[in-house]
Each structure stands twice: as C-alpha cells, then as structure tokens.
C-alpha atoms as a PDB file:
ATOM      1  CA  UNK A   1       0.000   0.000   0.000  1.00  0.00           C
ATOM      2  CA  UNK A   2       1.698   3.251  -1.075  1.00  0.00           C
ATOM      3  CA  UNK A   3      -0.082   5.206   1.680  1.00  0.00           C
ATOM      4  CA  UNK A   4       1.672   3.295   4.462  1.00  0.00           C
ATOM      5  CA  UNK A   5       5.280   3.999   5.473  1.00  0.00           C
ATOM      6  CA  UNK A   6       7.838   1.312   4.736  1.00  0.00           C
ATOM      7  CA  UNK A   7       9.823   2.019   7.891  1.00  0.00           C
ATOM      8  CA  UNK A   8       9.096   2.482  11.567  1.00  0.00           C
ATOM      9  CA  UNK A   9      10.805   5.150  13.632  1.00  0.00           C
ATOM     10  CA  UNK A  10      11.183   4.306  17.297  1.00  0.00           C
ATOM     11  CA  UNK A  11      13.136   5.304  20.397  1.00  0.00           C
ATOM     12  CA  UNK A  12      14.197   3.296  23.436  1.00  0.00           C
ATOM     13  CA  UNK A  13      14.657   4.904  26.842  1.00  0.00           C
ATOM     14  CA  UNK A  14      15.189   4.048  30.499  1.00  0.00           C
ATOM     15  CA  UNK A  15      14.210   5.953  33.597  1.00  0.00           C
ATOM     16  CA  UNK A  16      13.909   5.219  37.323  1.00  0.00           C
ATOM     17  CA  UNK A  17      14.004   1.409  37.191  1.00  0.00           C
ATOM     18  CA  UNK A  18      11.898   1.083  34.053  1.00  0.00           C
ATOM     19  CA  UNK A  19      12.486   1.099  30.340  1.00  0.00           C
ATOM     20  CA  UNK A  20      10.316   1.680  27.364  1.00  0.00           C
ATOM     21  CA  UNK A  21       9.805   2.295  23.730  1.00  0.00           C
ATOM     22  CA  UNK A  22       7.996   4.943  21.753  1.00  0.00           C
ATOM     23  CA  UNK A  23       7.038   4.957  18.107  1.00  0.00           C
ATOM     24  CA  UNK A  24       4.718   6.518  15.552  1.00  0.00           C
ATOM     25  CA  UNK A  25       1.539   4.594  14.776  1.00  0.00           C
ATOM     26  CA  UNK A  26       1.268   2.785  11.454  1.00  0.00           C
ATOM     27  CA  UNK A  27      -2.443   3.182  10.776  1.00  0.00           C
ATOM     28  CA  UNK A  28      -3.678  -0.114   9.337  1.00  0.00           C
ATOM     29  CA  UNK A  29      -0.870  -2.212  10.808  1.00  0.00           C
ATOM     30  CA  UNK A  30      -0.800  -4.000  14.120  1.00  0.00           C
ATOM     31  CA  UNK A  31       2.254  -3.515  16.319  1.00  0.00           C
ATOM     32  CA  UNK A  32       2.948  -5.818  19.276  1.00  0.00           C
ATOM     33  CA  UNK A  33       5.962  -5.210  21.505  1.00  0.00           C
ATOM     34  CA  UNK A  34       7.717  -8.423  22.473  1.00  0.00           C
ATOM     35  CA  UNK A  35      10.208  -8.965  25.312  1.00  0.00           C
ATOM     36  CA  UNK A  36      13.073 -11.444  25.734  1.00  0.00           C
ATOM     37  CA  UNK A  37      15.953 -12.052  28.125  1.00  0.00           C
ATOM     38  CA  UNK A  38      17.874 -14.390  25.783  1.00  0.00           C
ATOM     39  CA  UNK A  39      16.969 -13.273  22.206  1.00  0.00           C
ATOM     40  CA  UNK A  40      15.527 -16.755  21.575  1.00  0.00           C
ATOM     41  CA  UNK A  41      12.271 -16.874  23.528  1.00  0.00           C
ATOM     42  CA  UNK A  42       9.941 -13.935  22.907  1.00  0.00           C
ATOM     43  CA  UNK A  43       6.658 -13.069  24.655  1.00  0.00           C
ATOM     44  CA  UNK A  44       4.231 -10.186  24.454  1.00  0.00           C
ATOM     45  CA  UNK A  45       5.552  -7.485  26.770  1.00  0.00           C
ATOM     46  CA  UNK A  46       3.015  -7.207  29.584  1.00  0.00           C
ATOM     47  CA  UNK A  47       2.494  -3.437  29.748  1.00  0.00           C
ATOM     48  CA  UNK A  48      -0.711  -1.397  29.470  1.00  0.00           C
ATOM     49  CA  UNK A  49      -1.817  -0.712  25.901  1.00  0.00           C
ATOM     50  CA  UNK A  50       0.337  -3.380  24.249  1.00  0.00           C
ATOM     51  CA  UNK A  51      -2.737  -4.976  22.698  1.00  0.00           C
ATOM     52  CA  UNK A  52      -1.769  -5.094  19.020  1.00  0.00           C
ATOM     53  CA  UNK A  53      -4.467  -2.673  17.937  1.00  0.00           C
ATOM     54  CA  UNK A  54      -3.507  -0.315  15.088  1.00  0.00           C
ATOM     55  CA  UNK A  55      -2.206   3.022  16.401  1.00  0.00           C
ATOM     56  CA  UNK A  56      -3.025   6.452  15.028  1.00  0.00           C
ATOM     57  CA  UNK A  57      -0.132   7.522  12.747  1.00  0.00           C
ATOM     58  CA  UNK A  58      -0.544  11.158  13.822  1.00  0.00           C
ATOM     59  CA  UNK A  59       0.771  10.453  17.336  1.00  0.00           C
ATOM     60  CA  UNK A  60       3.805   9.096  19.148  1.00  0.00           C
ATOM     61  CA  UNK A  61       2.843   6.089  21.289  1.00  0.00           C
ATOM     62  CA  UNK A  62       4.851   5.410  24.460  1.00  0.00           C
ATOM     63  CA  UNK A  63       5.000   2.139  26.412  1.00  0.00           C
ATOM     64  CA  UNK A  64       6.862   1.811  29.718  1.00  0.00           C
ATOM     65  CA  UNK A  65       7.406  -1.141  32.044  1.00  0.00           C
ATOM     66  CA  UNK A  66       9.634  -2.324  34.889  1.00  0.00           C
ATOM     67  CA  UNK A  67      13.077  -3.726  34.204  1.00  0.00           C
ATOM     68  CA  UNK A  68      12.450  -7.347  35.172  1.00  0.00           C
ATOM     69  CA  UNK A  69      15.925  -8.560  34.257  1.00  0.00           C
ATOM     70  CA  UNK A  70      19.161  -6.630  33.666  1.00  0.00           C
ATOM     71  CA  UNK A  71      19.444  -8.368  30.299  1.00  0.00           C
ATOM     72  CA  UNK A  72      16.206  -7.349  28.598  1.00  0.00           C
ATOM     73  CA  UNK A  73      15.442  -6.928  24.919  1.00  0.00           C
ATOM     74  CA  UNK A  74      12.453  -5.533  23.035  1.00  0.00           C
ATOM     75  CA  UNK A  75      11.342  -6.009  19.456  1.00  0.00           C
ATOM     76  CA  UNK A  76       8.357  -4.814  17.471  1.00  0.00           C
ATOM     77  CA  UNK A  77       6.232  -7.386  15.680  1.00  0.00           C
ATOM     78  CA  UNK A  78       4.456  -5.548  12.850  1.00  0.00           C
ATOM     79  CA  UNK A  79       1.719  -7.162  10.765  1.00  0.00           C
ATOM     80  CA  UNK A  80      -0.900  -6.080   8.221  1.00  0.00           C
ATOM     81  CA  UNK A  81      -4.358  -5.530   9.635  1.00  0.00           C
END
C-alpha cells in the first residue's frame, strides 16, 4: 500500500528502574511489543496498551514497564491488519 510507510521510527529509553519504547503509529498495521531475556524466547511485553491494535499515525505512542531482568530486549512485531 503506497499510503503506508515502509519504515518504523522508534526510540528506546530508560528511567527510574523502568524502560520503554515509543514509536509513531502505522495506521492499518498492528504492532505488538515483544520482550526477551535471551533473544531466543519472545513473549508479548506485559504493559498497558500493548494490545496489538492499530495506532493512530498522527501520534507518538509510548510504552513503559519495569526492568524485570538486567538483560532485557524488546522487538516490534508488525503485521498487516
């Protein structure tokens, strides 16, 4: 679809014992944030709003959660709606 961006801009941050990610919405695409401590096993990151619903592309969406393990990784799983 030529109306959808072919890249996703995002930022990672940490603050006061938590870390997070923020990104622009992709309209008709679902985005689920996944978490891992070993880069092999991935699970949906259990934070409010991480429900996979399409996000408004006119806004920056921010998700924050506790640092459960000092070795933590996030990835974005993007799929067509």
